[in-house]
Amino acid sequence: MRSLCLLLLTASLLPAQKYNVGRPPTPEEEKAWDISISPSGKELPPGSGTVAEGKEVFSRRCQRCHGEAGKGGDEAALAGGQGTLTSPKPLKTVGSYWPYATTLFDYVRRAMPLKDPGTLTPAQVYAVSAYILNLNGIIAENETMNAQALPKVKMPNRDNFIPDPRPDTGKKAARKP
């Protein structure tokens, strides 16, 4: 996946170079952009954060948009929604829909806060992830999230996705008996 992203980035610069505009990314820039986290979590950075630390970061950096306790505000709700996915108005939150806790870390790390993305430290991202997982009843209040603990979190909706049968994904489609 990373190689594909870098290939596409490089390919997109070729026309610019032909017309003497732009430049190829430096190795440092490539490294800064290469921060994808897979479901296995093998790419997670060092650091850790607790639910209590996450609550404090959330109140300062996230609550304005996502509402108190992640129940929604100007932006989407992050908590709640369990049991609504088959209803006429499903509430797709981290706790009701997302398949992997590592996806939460990846998304918060690269896209939040909305007006200042990428400014949270790894420890803050682990802490906010822990807080959001706790709000959804997925982890206990005394748990700490880090590179070892986060990939082990079993999300409630993890098993309700259909595997992608394309050969390039390395996964096989579920077969009906």
Protein backbone atom coordinates (compact mmCIF):
# COMPACT_ATOMS: atom_id res chain seq x y z
CA MET A 1 0.00 0.00 0.00
CA ARG A 2 2.79 2.42 0.90
CA SER A 3 4.67 1.62 -2.27
CA LEU A 4 1.54 2.25 -4.31
CA CYS A 5 0.98 5.62 -2.62
CA LEU A 6 4.57 6.69 -3.22
CA LEU A 7 4.41 5.48 -6.84
CA LEU A 8 1.23 7.48 -7.45
CA LEU A 9 2.73 10.54 -5.79
CA THR A 10 5.86 10.29 -7.90
CA ALA A 11 3.86 9.65 -11.09
CA SER A 12 1.71 12.69 -10.40
CA LEU A 13 4.85 14.84 -10.34
CA LEU A 14 6.15 13.70 -13.75
CA PRO A 15 4.00 16.12 -15.81
CA ALA A 16 5.03 18.93 -13.46
CA GLN A 17 8.70 18.12 -14.00
CA LYS A 18 8.19 18.03 -17.77
CA TYR A 19 7.07 21.65 -17.60
CA ASN A 20 9.75 22.66 -15.07
CA VAL A 21 7.35 23.23 -12.20
CA GLY A 22 7.35 21.46 -8.87
CA ARG A 23 9.98 19.03 -7.64
CA PRO A 24 10.23 15.45 -6.48
CA PRO A 25 9.67 14.98 -2.75
CA THR A 26 12.73 14.72 -0.56
CA PRO A 27 13.35 11.51 1.39
CA GLU A 28 12.37 13.41 4.55
CA GLU A 29 9.06 14.49 2.99
CA GLU A 30 8.34 10.93 1.84
CA LYS A 31 9.03 9.64 5.35
CA ALA A 32 6.72 12.27 6.87
CA TRP A 33 3.87 11.22 4.52
CA ASP A 34 4.47 7.50 4.98
CA ILE A 35 2.50 7.12 8.22
CA SER A 36 -0.23 4.61 7.32
CA ILE A 37 -1.19 2.17 10.06
CA SER A 38 -2.45 -1.28 9.04
CA PRO A 39 -4.91 -3.38 11.07
CA SER A 40 -1.96 -5.37 12.47
CA GLY A 41 -0.54 -2.17 13.96
CA LYS A 42 3.04 -3.06 13.03
CA GLU A 43 3.62 0.56 11.94
CA LEU A 44 2.43 2.13 15.21
CA PRO A 45 4.94 4.56 16.74
CA PRO A 46 6.30 4.40 20.28
CA GLY A 47 4.22 6.10 22.95
CA SER A 48 1.22 5.48 25.12
CA GLY A 49 -1.84 7.20 26.48
CA THR A 50 -4.52 6.61 29.09
CA VAL A 51 -8.25 7.22 29.05
CA ALA A 52 -7.84 10.03 31.61
CA GLU A 53 -5.17 11.73 29.48
CA GLY A 54 -7.37 11.31 26.42
CA LYS A 55 -10.33 12.93 28.15
CA GLU A 56 -8.21 16.01 28.85
CA VAL A 57 -6.87 16.22 25.26
CA PHE A 58 -10.37 15.59 23.87
CA SER A 59 -11.88 18.39 25.95
CA ARG A 60 -9.26 20.85 24.66
CA ARG A 61 -8.87 19.74 21.03
CA CYS A 62 -11.92 17.69 19.95
CA GLN A 63 -15.01 18.47 22.02
CA ARG A 64 -15.79 21.75 20.26
CA CYS A 65 -16.62 19.82 17.06
CA HIS A 66 -17.54 16.33 18.28
CA GLY A 67 -19.54 17.36 21.34
CA GLU A 68 -19.36 16.38 24.98
CA ALA A 69 -18.44 12.70 25.41
CA GLY A 70 -18.20 12.37 21.62
CA LYS A 71 -21.98 12.39 21.14
CA GLY A 72 -21.77 14.72 18.14
CA GLY A 73 -21.88 18.43 17.53
CA ASP A 74 -20.88 20.32 14.42
CA GLU A 75 -19.15 17.12 13.29
CA ALA A 76 -20.05 13.45 13.49
CA ALA A 77 -20.66 11.55 16.70
CA LEU A 78 -17.80 9.30 17.76
CA ALA A 79 -19.65 7.35 20.44
CA GLY A 80 -22.94 5.51 20.62
CA GLY A 81 -24.81 3.89 17.80
CA GLN A 82 -24.39 0.28 18.92
CA GLY A 83 -27.28 -1.78 17.59
CA THR A 84 -28.37 0.81 15.01
CA LEU A 85 -26.64 -0.49 11.89
CA THR A 86 -29.66 -2.50 10.75
CA SER A 87 -32.11 0.29 11.58
CA PRO A 88 -33.49 2.76 9.02
CA LYS A 89 -31.19 5.46 10.46
CA PRO A 90 -27.90 3.79 11.44
CA LEU A 91 -25.45 5.80 13.52
CA LYS A 92 -22.00 4.85 12.22
CA THR A 93 -19.57 5.67 15.01
CA VAL A 94 -16.20 4.31 16.08
CA GLY A 95 -17.98 1.93 18.44
CA SER A 96 -20.76 0.79 16.15
CA TYR A 97 -19.10 0.58 12.75
CA TRP A 98 -15.30 0.79 12.61
CA PRO A 99 -13.60 -2.60 12.26
CA TYR A 100 -10.14 -1.85 13.74
CA ALA A 101 -8.87 0.26 16.62
CA THR A 102 -5.70 0.90 14.60
CA THR A 103 -7.87 2.70 12.01
CA LEU A 104 -8.94 5.11 14.74
CA PHE A 105 -5.31 5.87 15.58
CA ASP A 106 -4.42 6.30 11.89
CA TYR A 107 -7.33 8.64 11.21
CA VAL A 108 -6.84 10.81 14.30
CA ARG A 109 -3.11 11.02 13.67
CA ARG A 110 -3.35 12.19 10.08
CA ALA A 111 -6.64 14.13 9.95
CA MET A 112 -7.39 15.63 13.35
CA PRO A 113 -7.96 18.24 14.62
CA LEU A 114 -9.71 19.28 11.42
CA LYS A 115 -8.25 22.79 11.30
CA ASP A 116 -4.77 21.68 12.41
CA PRO A 117 -4.28 18.07 11.27
CA GLY A 118 -1.19 16.13 12.22
CA THR A 119 -0.35 18.28 15.22
CA LEU A 120 -1.12 15.73 17.94
CA THR A 121 1.83 13.80 19.33
CA PRO A 122 1.74 9.99 19.24
CA ALA A 123 1.06 10.00 23.00
CA GLN A 124 -1.90 12.35 22.51
CA VAL A 125 -3.26 10.18 19.68
CA TYR A 126 -2.98 7.05 21.85
CA ALA A 127 -4.73 8.91 24.67
CA VAL A 128 -7.57 10.24 22.50
CA SER A 129 -7.96 6.78 20.97
CA ALA A 130 -8.19 5.28 24.46
CA TYR A 131 -10.78 7.86 25.49
CA ILE A 132 -12.95 7.28 22.40
CA LEU A 133 -12.72 3.50 22.82
CA ASN A 134 -13.75 3.91 26.46
CA LEU A 135 -16.68 6.18 25.56
CA ASN A 136 -17.92 3.33 23.38
CA GLY A 137 -17.57 0.76 26.17
CA ILE A 138 -14.82 -1.11 24.29
CA ILE A 139 -12.01 -0.69 26.83
CA ALA A 140 -12.03 -0.06 30.57
CA GLU A 141 -11.31 3.31 32.13
CA ASN A 142 -8.01 2.12 33.61
CA GLU A 143 -6.54 0.83 30.32
CA THR A 144 -3.53 2.28 28.53
CA MET A 145 -3.21 2.21 24.75
CA ASN A 146 0.15 1.73 23.05
CA ALA A 147 1.60 -0.12 20.05
CA GLN A 148 1.11 -3.48 21.77
CA ALA A 149 -2.39 -2.95 23.23
CA LEU A 150 -4.16 -1.08 20.42
CA PRO A 151 -4.04 -3.85 17.76
CA LYS A 152 -5.43 -6.34 20.30
CA VAL A 153 -8.63 -4.33 20.82
CA LYS A 154 -11.56 -6.27 19.37
CA MET A 155 -13.97 -3.81 17.81
CA PRO A 156 -17.67 -4.74 18.06
CA ASN A 157 -18.27 -4.67 14.29
CA ARG A 158 -14.99 -6.26 13.18
CA ASP A 159 -16.53 -9.49 11.91
CA ASN A 160 -19.38 -7.87 10.00
CA PHE A 161 -17.43 -6.81 6.92
CA ILE A 162 -17.32 -8.85 3.71
CA PRO A 163 -13.78 -9.84 2.73
CA ASP A 164 -12.51 -8.36 -0.52
CA PRO A 165 -11.95 -11.30 -2.90
CA ARG A 166 -9.68 -9.50 -5.37
CA PRO A 167 -6.38 -11.35 -5.72
CA ASP A 168 -4.28 -8.29 -4.90
CA THR A 169 -5.74 -8.02 -1.37
CA GLY A 170 -4.45 -11.41 -0.22
CA LYS A 171 -7.82 -12.28 1.31
CA LYS A 172 -10.35 -14.82 0.19
CA ALA A 173 -14.06 -14.23 -0.07
CA ALA A 174 -16.25 -15.97 2.45
CA ARG A 175 -17.94 -18.98 0.93
CA LYS A 176 -21.51 -19.89 1.63
CA PRO A 177 -22.06 -23.53 2.63
